[in-house]
Full PDB file with SEQRES, HELIX, SHEET, SSBOND, CRYST1, ORIGX, SCALE, CONECT and MASTER records, all heavy atoms in Angstrom:
SEQRES   1 A   36  VAL PRO GLN LEU ASN ASP SER TYR ALA ARG ASP TYR TYR          
SEQRES   2 A   36  THR GLY LEU ILE HIS GLU ARG GLN GLY LYS ALA ARG LEU          
SEQRES   3 A   36  ILE ARG ASN TYR PRO GLY ALA ARG PHE ASP                      
HELIX    1 AA1 SER A    7  ARG A   28  1                                  22    
CRYST1    1.000    1.000    1.000  90.00  90.00  90.00 P 1           1          
ORIGX1      1.000000  0.000000  0.000000        0.00000                         
ORIGX2      0.000000  1.000000  0.000000        0.00000                         
ORIGX3      0.000000  0.000000  1.000000        0.00000                         
SCALE1      1.000000  0.000000  0.000000        0.00000                         
SCALE2      0.000000  1.000000  0.000000        0.00000                         
SCALE3      0.000000  0.000000  1.000000        0.00000                         
ATOM      1  N   VAL A   1      63.577 101.043 -24.654  1.00  0.00           N  
ATOM      2  CA  VAL A   1      64.970 101.473 -24.445  1.00  0.00           C  
ATOM      3  C   VAL A   1      65.478 102.386 -25.560  1.00  0.00           C  
ATOM      4  O   VAL A   1      66.140 103.394 -25.260  1.00  0.00           O  
ATOM      5  CB  VAL A   1      65.876 100.238 -24.250  1.00  0.00           C  
ATOM      6  CG1 VAL A   1      67.349 100.625 -24.282  1.00  0.00           C  
ATOM      7  CG2 VAL A   1      65.534  99.547 -22.936  1.00  0.00           C  
ATOM      8  N   PRO A   2      65.224 102.112 -26.838  1.00  0.00           N  
ATOM      9  CA  PRO A   2      65.750 103.010 -27.892  1.00  0.00           C  
ATOM     10  C   PRO A   2      65.256 104.452 -27.779  1.00  0.00           C  
ATOM     11  O   PRO A   2      65.867 105.355 -28.351  1.00  0.00           O  
ATOM     12  CB  PRO A   2      65.280 102.370 -29.200  1.00  0.00           C  
ATOM     13  CG  PRO A   2      65.052 100.945 -28.866  1.00  0.00           C  
ATOM     14  CD  PRO A   2      64.590 100.938 -27.437  1.00  0.00           C  
ATOM     15  N   GLN A   3      64.173 104.680 -27.047  1.00  0.00           N  
ATOM     16  CA  GLN A   3      63.642 106.024 -26.882  1.00  0.00           C  
ATOM     17  C   GLN A   3      64.425 106.839 -25.848  1.00  0.00           C  
ATOM     18  O   GLN A   3      64.233 108.054 -25.741  1.00  0.00           O  
ATOM     19  CB  GLN A   3      62.175 105.989 -26.494  1.00  0.00           C  
ATOM     20  CG  GLN A   3      61.309 105.355 -27.564  1.00  0.00           C  
ATOM     21  CD  GLN A   3      59.870 105.245 -27.094  1.00  0.00           C  
ATOM     22  OE1 GLN A   3      59.262 106.228 -26.707  1.00  0.00           O  
ATOM     23  NE2 GLN A   3      59.330 104.037 -27.127  1.00  0.00           N  
ATOM     24  N   LEU A   4      65.275 106.174 -25.072  1.00  0.00           N  
ATOM     25  CA  LEU A   4      66.090 106.894 -24.084  1.00  0.00           C  
ATOM     26  C   LEU A   4      67.174 107.653 -24.819  1.00  0.00           C  
ATOM     27  O   LEU A   4      67.830 107.131 -25.720  1.00  0.00           O  
ATOM     28  CB  LEU A   4      66.698 105.909 -23.077  1.00  0.00           C  
ATOM     29  CG  LEU A   4      65.687 105.150 -22.208  1.00  0.00           C  
ATOM     30  CD1 LEU A   4      66.384 104.087 -21.364  1.00  0.00           C  
ATOM     31  CD2 LEU A   4      64.889 106.105 -21.334  1.00  0.00           C  
ATOM     32  N   ASN A   5      67.385 108.909 -24.440  1.00  0.00           N  
ATOM     33  CA  ASN A   5      68.312 109.790 -25.155  1.00  0.00           C  
ATOM     34  C   ASN A   5      69.771 109.493 -24.911  1.00  0.00           C  
ATOM     35  O   ASN A   5      70.617 109.760 -25.746  1.00  0.00           O  
ATOM     36  CB  ASN A   5      68.054 111.256 -24.752  1.00  0.00           C  
ATOM     37  CG  ASN A   5      66.706 111.755 -25.234  1.00  0.00           C  
ATOM     38  OD1 ASN A   5      66.155 111.256 -26.194  1.00  0.00           O  
ATOM     39  ND2 ASN A   5      66.183 112.755 -24.539  1.00  0.00           N  
ATOM     40  N   ASP A   6      70.097 108.948 -23.779  1.00  0.00           N  
ATOM     41  CA  ASP A   6      71.483 108.783 -23.337  1.00  0.00           C  
ATOM     42  C   ASP A   6      71.955 107.344 -23.549  1.00  0.00           C  
ATOM     43  O   ASP A   6      71.249 106.406 -23.167  1.00  0.00           O  
ATOM     44  CB  ASP A   6      71.527 109.182 -21.852  1.00  0.00           C  
ATOM     45  CG  ASP A   6      72.868 109.001 -21.226  1.00  0.00           C  
ATOM     46  OD1 ASP A   6      73.722 109.873 -21.424  1.00  0.00           O  
ATOM     47  OD2 ASP A   6      73.045 107.999 -20.510  1.00  0.00           O  
ATOM     48  N   SER A   7      73.123 107.157 -24.129  1.00  0.00           N  
ATOM     49  CA  SER A   7      73.623 105.800 -24.391  1.00  0.00           C  
ATOM     50  C   SER A   7      73.896 105.042 -23.090  1.00  0.00           C  
ATOM     51  O   SER A   7      73.681 103.837 -23.011  1.00  0.00           O  
ATOM     52  CB  SER A   7      74.873 105.820 -25.273  1.00  0.00           C  
ATOM     53  OG  SER A   7      75.930 106.498 -24.633  1.00  0.00           O  
ATOM     54  N   TYR A   8      74.373 105.758 -22.055  1.00  0.00           N  
ATOM     55  CA  TYR A   8      74.540 105.096 -20.745  1.00  0.00           C  
ATOM     56  C   TYR A   8      73.201 104.543 -20.279  1.00  0.00           C  
ATOM     57  O   TYR A   8      73.111 103.382 -19.861  1.00  0.00           O  
ATOM     58  CB  TYR A   8      75.101 106.061 -19.692  1.00  0.00           C  
ATOM     59  CG  TYR A   8      74.983 105.503 -18.305  1.00  0.00           C  
ATOM     60  CD1 TYR A   8      75.952 104.644 -17.812  1.00  0.00           C  
ATOM     61  CD2 TYR A   8      73.889 105.806 -17.491  1.00  0.00           C  
ATOM     62  CE1 TYR A   8      75.839 104.081 -16.542  1.00  0.00           C  
ATOM     63  CE2 TYR A   8      73.761 105.259 -16.228  1.00  0.00           C  
ATOM     64  CZ  TYR A   8      74.743 104.390 -15.766  1.00  0.00           C  
ATOM     65  OH  TYR A   8      74.596 103.834 -14.501  1.00  0.00           O  
ATOM     66  N   ALA A   9      72.162 105.354 -20.324  1.00  0.00           N  
ATOM     67  CA  ALA A   9      70.839 104.918 -19.860  1.00  0.00           C  
ATOM     68  C   ALA A   9      70.337 103.737 -20.684  1.00  0.00           C  
ATOM     69  O   ALA A   9      69.764 102.785 -20.132  1.00  0.00           O  
ATOM     70  CB  ALA A   9      69.830 106.071 -19.940  1.00  0.00           C  
ATOM     71  N   ARG A  10      70.555 103.762 -21.989  1.00  0.00           N  
ATOM     72  CA  ARG A  10      70.114 102.643 -22.832  1.00  0.00           C  
ATOM     73  C   ARG A  10      70.791 101.345 -22.414  1.00  0.00           C  
ATOM     74  O   ARG A  10      70.152 100.319 -22.267  1.00  0.00           O  
ATOM     75  CB  ARG A  10      70.366 102.942 -24.310  1.00  0.00           C  
ATOM     76  CG  ARG A  10      69.415 103.987 -24.894  1.00  0.00           C  
ATOM     77  CD  ARG A  10      69.528 104.084 -26.396  1.00  0.00           C  
ATOM     78  NE  ARG A  10      70.836 104.530 -26.860  1.00  0.00           N  
ATOM     79  CZ  ARG A  10      71.214 105.788 -27.003  1.00  0.00           C  
ATOM     80  NH1 ARG A  10      70.360 106.772 -26.744  1.00  0.00           N  
ATOM     81  NH2 ARG A  10      72.425 106.084 -27.439  1.00  0.00           N  
ATOM     82  N   ASP A  11      72.109 101.409 -22.190  1.00  0.00           N  
ATOM     83  CA  ASP A  11      72.837 100.199 -21.785  1.00  0.00           C  
ATOM     84  C   ASP A  11      72.461  99.769 -20.364  1.00  0.00           C  
ATOM     85  O   ASP A  11      72.235  98.584 -20.089  1.00  0.00           O  
ATOM     86  CB  ASP A  11      74.348 100.436 -21.869  1.00  0.00           C  
ATOM     87  CG  ASP A  11      74.834 100.596 -23.303  1.00  0.00           C  
ATOM     88  OD1 ASP A  11      74.105 100.215 -24.240  1.00  0.00           O  
ATOM     89  OD2 ASP A  11      75.948 101.117 -23.485  1.00  0.00           O  
ATOM     90  N   TYR A  12      72.399 100.736 -19.455  1.00  0.00           N  
ATOM     91  CA  TYR A  12      72.072 100.418 -18.051  1.00  0.00           C  
ATOM     92  C   TYR A  12      70.683  99.798 -17.931  1.00  0.00           C  
ATOM     93  O   TYR A  12      70.513  98.755 -17.292  1.00  0.00           O  
ATOM     94  CB  TYR A  12      72.167 101.697 -17.200  1.00  0.00           C  
ATOM     95  CG  TYR A  12      71.727 101.479 -15.784  1.00  0.00           C  
ATOM     96  CD1 TYR A  12      72.577 100.887 -14.846  1.00  0.00           C  
ATOM     97  CD2 TYR A  12      70.458 101.851 -15.357  1.00  0.00           C  
ATOM     98  CE1 TYR A  12      72.171 100.654 -13.544  1.00  0.00           C  
ATOM     99  CE2 TYR A  12      70.036 101.653 -14.056  1.00  0.00           C  
ATOM    100  CZ  TYR A  12      70.899 101.050 -13.152  1.00  0.00           C  
ATOM    101  OH  TYR A  12      70.488 100.825 -11.861  1.00  0.00           O  
ATOM    102  N   TYR A  13      69.683 100.402 -18.563  1.00  0.00           N  
ATOM    103  CA  TYR A  13      68.317  99.873 -18.431  1.00  0.00           C  
ATOM    104  C   TYR A  13      68.127  98.575 -19.213  1.00  0.00           C  
ATOM    105  O   TYR A  13      67.327  97.733 -18.804  1.00  0.00           O  
ATOM    106  CB  TYR A  13      67.269 100.937 -18.784  1.00  0.00           C  
ATOM    107  CG  TYR A  13      67.165 101.950 -17.668  1.00  0.00           C  
ATOM    108  CD1 TYR A  13      67.708 103.223 -17.805  1.00  0.00           C  
ATOM    109  CD2 TYR A  13      66.598 101.608 -16.444  1.00  0.00           C  
ATOM    110  CE1 TYR A  13      67.661 104.122 -16.756  1.00  0.00           C  
ATOM    111  CE2 TYR A  13      66.555 102.506 -15.399  1.00  0.00           C  
ATOM    112  CZ  TYR A  13      67.086 103.762 -15.549  1.00  0.00           C  
ATOM    113  OH  TYR A  13      67.046 104.653 -14.501  1.00  0.00           O  
ATOM    114  N   THR A  14      68.884  98.373 -20.272  1.00  0.00           N  
ATOM    115  CA  THR A  14      68.852  97.074 -20.939  1.00  0.00           C  
ATOM    116  C   THR A  14      69.358  96.013 -19.977  1.00  0.00           C  
ATOM    117  O   THR A  14      68.779  94.923 -19.871  1.00  0.00           O  
ATOM    118  CB  THR A  14      69.677  97.092 -22.242  1.00  0.00           C  
ATOM    119  OG1 THR A  14      69.121  98.068 -23.130  1.00  0.00           O  
ATOM    120  CG2 THR A  14      69.674  95.739 -22.929  1.00  0.00           C  
ATOM    121  N   GLY A  15      70.435  96.309 -19.278  1.00  0.00           N  
ATOM    122  CA  GLY A  15      70.938  95.387 -18.258  1.00  0.00           C  
ATOM    123  C   GLY A  15      69.928  95.143 -17.160  1.00  0.00           C  
ATOM    124  O   GLY A  15      69.683  94.004 -16.751  1.00  0.00           O  
ATOM    125  N   LEU A  16      69.308  96.201 -16.689  1.00  0.00           N  
ATOM    126  CA  LEU A  16      68.329  96.078 -15.607  1.00  0.00           C  
ATOM    127  C   LEU A  16      67.129  95.212 -16.025  1.00  0.00           C  
ATOM    128  O   LEU A  16      66.644  94.393 -15.244  1.00  0.00           O  
ATOM    129  CB  LEU A  16      67.859  97.462 -15.170  1.00  0.00           C  
ATOM    130  CG  LEU A  16      67.031  97.483 -13.890  1.00  0.00           C  
ATOM    131  CD1 LEU A  16      67.936  97.263 -12.688  1.00  0.00           C  
ATOM    132  CD2 LEU A  16      66.310  98.799 -13.765  1.00  0.00           C  
ATOM    133  N   ILE A  17      66.669  95.391 -17.242  1.00  0.00           N  
ATOM    134  CA  ILE A  17      65.545  94.594 -17.750  1.00  0.00           C  
ATOM    135  C   ILE A  17      65.917  93.113 -17.741  1.00  0.00           C  
ATOM    136  O   ILE A  17      65.152  92.261 -17.276  1.00  0.00           O  
ATOM    137  CB  ILE A  17      65.133  95.080 -19.158  1.00  0.00           C  
ATOM    138  CG1 ILE A  17      64.519  96.478 -19.088  1.00  0.00           C  
ATOM    139  CG2 ILE A  17      64.173  94.081 -19.802  1.00  0.00           C  
ATOM    140  CD1 ILE A  17      64.426  97.192 -20.429  1.00  0.00           C  
ATOM    141  N   HIS A  18      67.102  92.799 -18.248  1.00  0.00           N  
ATOM    142  CA  HIS A  18      67.532  91.395 -18.275  1.00  0.00           C  
ATOM    143  C   HIS A  18      67.736  90.853 -16.861  1.00  0.00           C  
ATOM    144  O   HIS A  18      67.376  89.694 -16.580  1.00  0.00           O  
ATOM    145  CB  HIS A  18      68.805  91.249 -19.116  1.00  0.00           C  
ATOM    146  CG  HIS A  18      68.548  91.354 -20.567  1.00  0.00           C  
ATOM    147  ND1 HIS A  18      68.663  92.544 -21.253  1.00  0.00           N  
ATOM    148  CD2 HIS A  18      68.154  90.438 -21.479  1.00  0.00           C  
ATOM    149  CE1 HIS A  18      68.372  92.348 -22.522  1.00  0.00           C  
ATOM    150  NE2 HIS A  18      68.046  91.081 -22.689  1.00  0.00           N  
ATOM    151  N   GLU A  19      68.303  91.665 -15.988  1.00  0.00           N  
ATOM    152  CA  GLU A  19      68.488  91.212 -14.599  1.00  0.00           C  
ATOM    153  C   GLU A  19      67.155  90.884 -13.947  1.00  0.00           C  
ATOM    154  O   GLU A  19      66.998  89.821 -13.324  1.00  0.00           O  
ATOM    155  CB  GLU A  19      69.213  92.307 -13.794  1.00  0.00           C  
ATOM    156  CG  GLU A  19      69.377  91.934 -12.323  1.00  0.00           C  
ATOM    157  CD  GLU A  19      69.964  93.050 -11.480  1.00  0.00           C  
ATOM    158  OE1 GLU A  19      70.334  94.128 -12.024  1.00  0.00           O  
ATOM    159  OE2 GLU A  19      70.066  92.856 -10.250  1.00  0.00           O  
ATOM    160  N   ARG A  20      66.201  91.783 -14.071  1.00  0.00           N  
ATOM    161  CA  ARG A  20      64.904  91.551 -13.418  1.00  0.00           C  
ATOM    162  C   ARG A  20      64.165  90.362 -14.031  1.00  0.00           C  
ATOM    163  O   ARG A  20      63.496  89.623 -13.329  1.00  0.00           O  
ATOM    164  CB  ARG A  20      64.060  92.827 -13.479  1.00  0.00           C  
ATOM    165  CG  ARG A  20      64.580  93.890 -12.540  1.00  0.00           C  
ATOM    166  CD  ARG A  20      63.732  95.129 -12.573  1.00  0.00           C  
ATOM    167  NE  ARG A  20      64.072  95.985 -11.444  1.00  0.00           N  
ATOM    168  CZ  ARG A  20      63.297  96.939 -11.009  1.00  0.00           C  
ATOM    169  NH1 ARG A  20      62.136  97.179 -11.592  1.00  0.00           N  
ATOM    170  NH2 ARG A  20      63.665  97.677  -9.993  1.00  0.00           N  
ATOM    171  N   GLN A  21      64.294  90.172 -15.331  1.00  0.00           N  
ATOM    172  CA  GLN A  21      63.665  89.017 -15.952  1.00  0.00           C  
ATOM    173  C   GLN A  21      64.355  87.728 -15.485  1.00  0.00           C  
ATOM    174  O   GLN A  21      63.711  86.716 -15.234  1.00  0.00           O  
ATOM    175  CB  GLN A  21      63.701  89.128 -17.474  1.00  0.00           C  
ATOM    176  CG  GLN A  21      62.938  88.032 -18.208  1.00  0.00           C  
ATOM    177  CD  GLN A  21      61.452  88.030 -17.937  1.00  0.00           C  
ATOM    178  OE1 GLN A  21      61.001  87.312 -17.067  1.00  0.00           O  
ATOM    179  NE2 GLN A  21      60.683  88.792 -18.700  1.00  0.00           N  
ATOM    180  N   GLY A  22      65.684  87.772 -15.331  1.00  0.00           N  
ATOM    181  CA  GLY A  22      66.420  86.611 -14.818  1.00  0.00           C  
ATOM    182  C   GLY A  22      65.982  86.246 -13.419  1.00  0.00           C  
ATOM    183  O   GLY A  22      65.747  85.060 -13.102  1.00  0.00           O  
ATOM    184  N   LYS A  23      65.837  87.232 -12.552  1.00  0.00           N  
ATOM    185  CA  LYS A  23      65.365  86.983 -11.180  1.00  0.00           C  
ATOM    186  C   LYS A  23      63.944  86.422 -11.198  1.00  0.00           C  
ATOM    187  O   LYS A  23      63.615  85.523 -10.411  1.00  0.00           O  
ATOM    188  CB  LYS A  23      65.403  88.278 -10.367  1.00  0.00           C  
ATOM    189  CG  LYS A  23      66.774  88.775 -10.034  1.00  0.00           C  
ATOM    190  CD  LYS A  23      66.639  90.110  -9.298  1.00  0.00           C  
ATOM    191  CE  LYS A  23      67.940  90.748  -8.954  1.00  0.00           C  
ATOM    192  NZ  LYS A  23      67.744  92.059  -8.292  1.00  0.00           N  
ATOM    193  N   ALA A  24      63.122  86.944 -12.073  1.00  0.00           N  
ATOM    194  CA  ALA A  24      61.741  86.473 -12.181  1.00  0.00           C  
ATOM    195  C   ALA A  24      61.698  85.009 -12.598  1.00  0.00           C  
ATOM    196  O   ALA A  24      60.870  84.229 -12.112  1.00  0.00           O  
ATOM    197  CB  ALA A  24      60.944  87.329 -13.168  1.00  0.00           C  
ATOM    198  N   ARG A  25      62.584  84.624 -13.506  1.00  0.00           N  
ATOM    199  CA  ARG A  25      62.621  83.225 -13.943  1.00  0.00           C  
ATOM    200  C   ARG A  25      62.958  82.308 -12.770  1.00  0.00           C  
ATOM    201  O   ARG A  25      62.402  81.215 -12.648  1.00  0.00           O  
ATOM    202  CB  ARG A  25      63.644  83.035 -15.061  1.00  0.00           C  
ATOM    203  CG  ARG A  25      63.417  83.884 -16.301  1.00  0.00           C  
ATOM    204  CD  ARG A  25      62.239  83.393 -17.132  1.00  0.00           C  
ATOM    205  NE  ARG A  25      61.955  84.273 -18.244  1.00  0.00           N  
ATOM    206  CZ  ARG A  25      62.257  84.013 -19.510  1.00  0.00           C  
ATOM    207  NH1 ARG A  25      62.858  82.894 -19.824  1.00  0.00           N  
ATOM    208  NH2 ARG A  25      61.938  84.865 -20.452  1.00  0.00           N  
ATOM    209  N   LEU A  26      63.866  82.742 -11.914  1.00  0.00           N  
ATOM    210  CA  LEU A  26      64.206  81.935 -10.733  1.00  0.00           C  
ATOM    211  C   LEU A  26      63.003  81.767  -9.813  1.00  0.00           C  
ATOM    212  O   LEU A  26      62.750  80.686  -9.291  1.00  0.00           O  
ATOM    213  CB  LEU A  26      65.344  82.578  -9.952  1.00  0.00           C  
ATOM    214  CG  LEU A  26      66.742  82.350 -10.483  1.00  0.00           C  
ATOM    215  CD1 LEU A  26      67.750  83.120  -9.638  1.00  0.00           C  
ATOM    216  CD2 LEU A  26      67.091  80.879 -10.497  1.00  0.00           C  
ATOM    217  N   ILE A  27      62.265  82.816  -9.622  1.00  0.00           N  
ATOM    218  CA  ILE A  27      61.098  82.766  -8.729  1.00  0.00           C  
ATOM    219  C   ILE A  27      60.007  81.875  -9.287  1.00  0.00           C  
ATOM    220  O   ILE A  27      59.383  81.107  -8.557  1.00  0.00           O  
ATOM    221  CB  ILE A  27      60.581  84.195  -8.440  1.00  0.00           C  
ATOM    222  CG1 ILE A  27      61.604  84.917  -7.553  1.00  0.00           C  
ATOM    223  CG2 ILE A  27      59.198  84.175  -7.802  1.00  0.00           C  
ATOM    224  CD1 ILE A  27      61.350  86.384  -7.386  1.00  0.00           C  
ATOM    225  N   ARG A  28      59.765  81.967 -10.600  1.00  0.00           N  
ATOM    226  CA  ARG A  28      58.701  81.151 -11.201  1.00  0.00           C  
ATOM    227  C   ARG A  28      59.088  79.684 -11.283  1.00  0.00           C  
ATOM    228  O   ARG A  28      58.223  78.815 -11.306  1.00  0.00           O  
ATOM    229  CB  ARG A  28      58.309  81.712 -12.563  1.00  0.00           C  
ATOM    230  CG  ARG A  28      57.542  83.022 -12.396  1.00  0.00           C  
ATOM    231  CD  ARG A  28      56.746  83.382 -13.616  1.00  0.00           C  
ATOM    232  NE  ARG A  28      57.516  83.514 -14.818  1.00  0.00           N  
ATOM    233  CZ  ARG A  28      58.114  84.624 -15.236  1.00  0.00           C  
ATOM    234  NH1 ARG A  28      58.036  85.721 -14.529  1.00  0.00           N  
ATOM    235  NH2 ARG A  28      58.778  84.655 -16.353  1.00  0.00           N  
ATOM    236  N   ASN A  29      60.369  79.380 -11.340  1.00  0.00           N  
ATOM    237  CA  ASN A  29      60.895  78.022 -11.203  1.00  0.00           C  
ATOM    238  C   ASN A  29      60.209  76.976 -12.069  1.00  0.00           C  
ATOM    239  O   ASN A  29      59.806  75.931 -11.593  1.00  0.00           O  
ATOM    240  CB  ASN A  29      60.870  77.605  -9.729  1.00  0.00           C  
ATOM    241  CG  ASN A  29      61.753  76.418  -9.471  1.00  0.00           C  
ATOM    242  OD1 ASN A  29      62.720  76.181 -10.191  1.00  0.00           O  
ATOM    243  ND2 ASN A  29      61.430  75.649  -8.450  1.00  0.00           N  
ATOM    244  N   TYR A  30      60.097  77.217 -13.342  1.00  0.00           N  
ATOM    245  CA  TYR A  30      59.568  76.232 -14.291  1.00  0.00           C  
ATOM    246  C   TYR A  30      60.743  75.397 -14.818  1.00  0.00           C  
ATOM    247  O   TYR A  30      61.904  75.738 -14.561  1.00  0.00           O  
ATOM    248  CB  TYR A  30      58.852  76.960 -15.442  1.00  0.00           C  
ATOM    249  CG  TYR A  30      59.726  77.975 -16.115  1.00  0.00           C  
ATOM    250  CD1 TYR A  30      60.576  77.606 -17.156  1.00  0.00           C  
ATOM    251  CD2 TYR A  30      59.732  79.291 -15.707  1.00  0.00           C  
ATOM    252  CE1 TYR A  30      61.417  78.525 -17.754  1.00  0.00           C  
ATOM    253  CE2 TYR A  30      60.566  80.222 -16.312  1.00  0.00           C  
ATOM    254  CZ  TYR A  30      61.404  79.833 -17.328  1.00  0.00           C  
ATOM    255  OH  TYR A  30      62.241  80.733 -17.918  1.00  0.00           O  
ATOM    256  N   PRO A  31      60.496  74.301 -15.530  1.00  0.00           N  
ATOM    257  CA  PRO A  31      61.613  73.520 -16.074  1.00  0.00           C  
ATOM    258  C   PRO A  31      62.500  74.386 -16.996  1.00  0.00           C  
ATOM    259  O   PRO A  31      62.006  75.031 -17.902  1.00  0.00           O  
ATOM    260  CB  PRO A  31      60.915  72.409 -16.883  1.00  0.00           C  
ATOM    261  CG  PRO A  31      59.580  72.273 -16.239  1.00  0.00           C  
ATOM    262  CD  PRO A  31      59.196  73.673 -15.791  1.00  0.00           C  
ATOM    263  N   GLY A  32      63.769  74.418 -16.722  1.00  0.00           N  
ATOM    264  CA  GLY A  32      64.713  75.213 -17.505  1.00  0.00           C  
ATOM    265  C   GLY A  32      64.882  76.639 -16.986  1.00  0.00           C  
ATOM    266  O   GLY A  32      65.684  77.408 -17.534  1.00  0.00           O  
ATOM    267  N   ALA A  33      64.158  77.004 -15.947  1.00  0.00           N  
ATOM    268  CA  ALA A  33      64.204  78.383 -15.436  1.00  0.00           C  
ATOM    269  C   ALA A  33      65.605  78.775 -14.966  1.00  0.00           C  
ATOM    270  O   ALA A  33      66.034  79.913 -15.172  1.00  0.00           O  
ATOM    271  CB  ALA A  33      63.208  78.556 -14.292  1.00  0.00           C  
ATOM    272  N   ARG A  34      66.312  77.848 -14.354  1.00  0.00           N  
ATOM    273  CA  ARG A  34      67.651  78.173 -13.839  1.00  0.00           C  
ATOM    274  C   ARG A  34      68.625  78.463 -14.977  1.00  0.00           C  
ATOM    275  O   ARG A  34      69.461  79.335 -14.870  1.00  0.00           O  
ATOM    276  CB  ARG A  34      68.136  77.044 -12.939  1.00  0.00           C  
ATOM    277  CG  ARG A  34      67.266  76.925 -11.662  1.00  0.00           C  
ATOM    278  CD  ARG A  34      67.679  75.741 -10.800  1.00  0.00           C  
ATOM    279  NE  ARG A  34      69.041  75.843 -10.342  1.00  0.00           N  
ATOM    280  CZ  ARG A  34      69.477  76.636  -9.355  1.00  0.00           C  
ATOM    281  NH1 ARG A  34      68.606  77.406  -8.709  1.00  0.00           N  
ATOM    282  NH2 ARG A  34      70.743  76.663  -9.001  1.00  0.00           N  
ATOM    283  N   PHE A  35      68.489  77.741 -16.098  1.00  0.00           N  
ATOM    284  CA  PHE A  35      69.327  78.016 -17.270  1.00  0.00           C  
ATOM    285  C   PHE A  35      68.951  79.378 -17.873  1.00  0.00           C  
ATOM    286  O   PHE A  35      69.829  80.162 -18.247  1.00  0.00           O  
ATOM    287  CB  PHE A  35      69.177  76.927 -18.329  1.00  0.00           C  
ATOM    288  CG  PHE A  35      69.638  75.570 -17.865  1.00  0.00           C  
ATOM    289  CD1 PHE A  35      68.819  74.472 -18.024  1.00  0.00           C  
ATOM    290  CD2 PHE A  35      70.880  75.386 -17.270  1.00  0.00           C  
ATOM    291  CE1 PHE A  35      69.227  73.216 -17.607  1.00  0.00           C  
ATOM    292  CE2 PHE A  35      71.293  74.120 -16.851  1.00  0.00           C  
ATOM    293  CZ  PHE A  35      70.469  73.038 -17.026  1.00  0.00           C  
ATOM    294  N   ASP A  36      67.644  79.624 -17.982  1.00  0.00           N  
ATOM    295  CA  ASP A  36      67.197  80.915 -18.509  1.00  0.00           C  
ATOM    296  C   ASP A  36      67.713  82.053 -17.633  1.00  0.00           C  
ATOM    297  O   ASP A  36      68.174  83.080 -18.138  1.00  0.00           O  
ATOM    298  CB  ASP A  36      65.662  80.981 -18.574  1.00  0.00           C  
ATOM    299  CG  ASP A  36      65.070  80.080 -19.634  1.00  0.00           C  
ATOM    300  OD1 ASP A  36      65.829  79.539 -20.463  1.00  0.00           O  
ATOM    301  OD2 ASP A  36      63.837  79.937 -19.640  1.00  0.00           O  
TER     302      ASP A  36                                                      
MASTER        0    0    0    1    0    0    0    6  301    1    0    3          
END                                                                             
């Protein structure tokens, strides 16, 4: 992310990374996944 030139892109893709990791945690459904 820090290599992206635009501050909007840095913030947007940081959000997207966290969103996709959050969805992945739900799918993998390990203990504590819903909190993560």
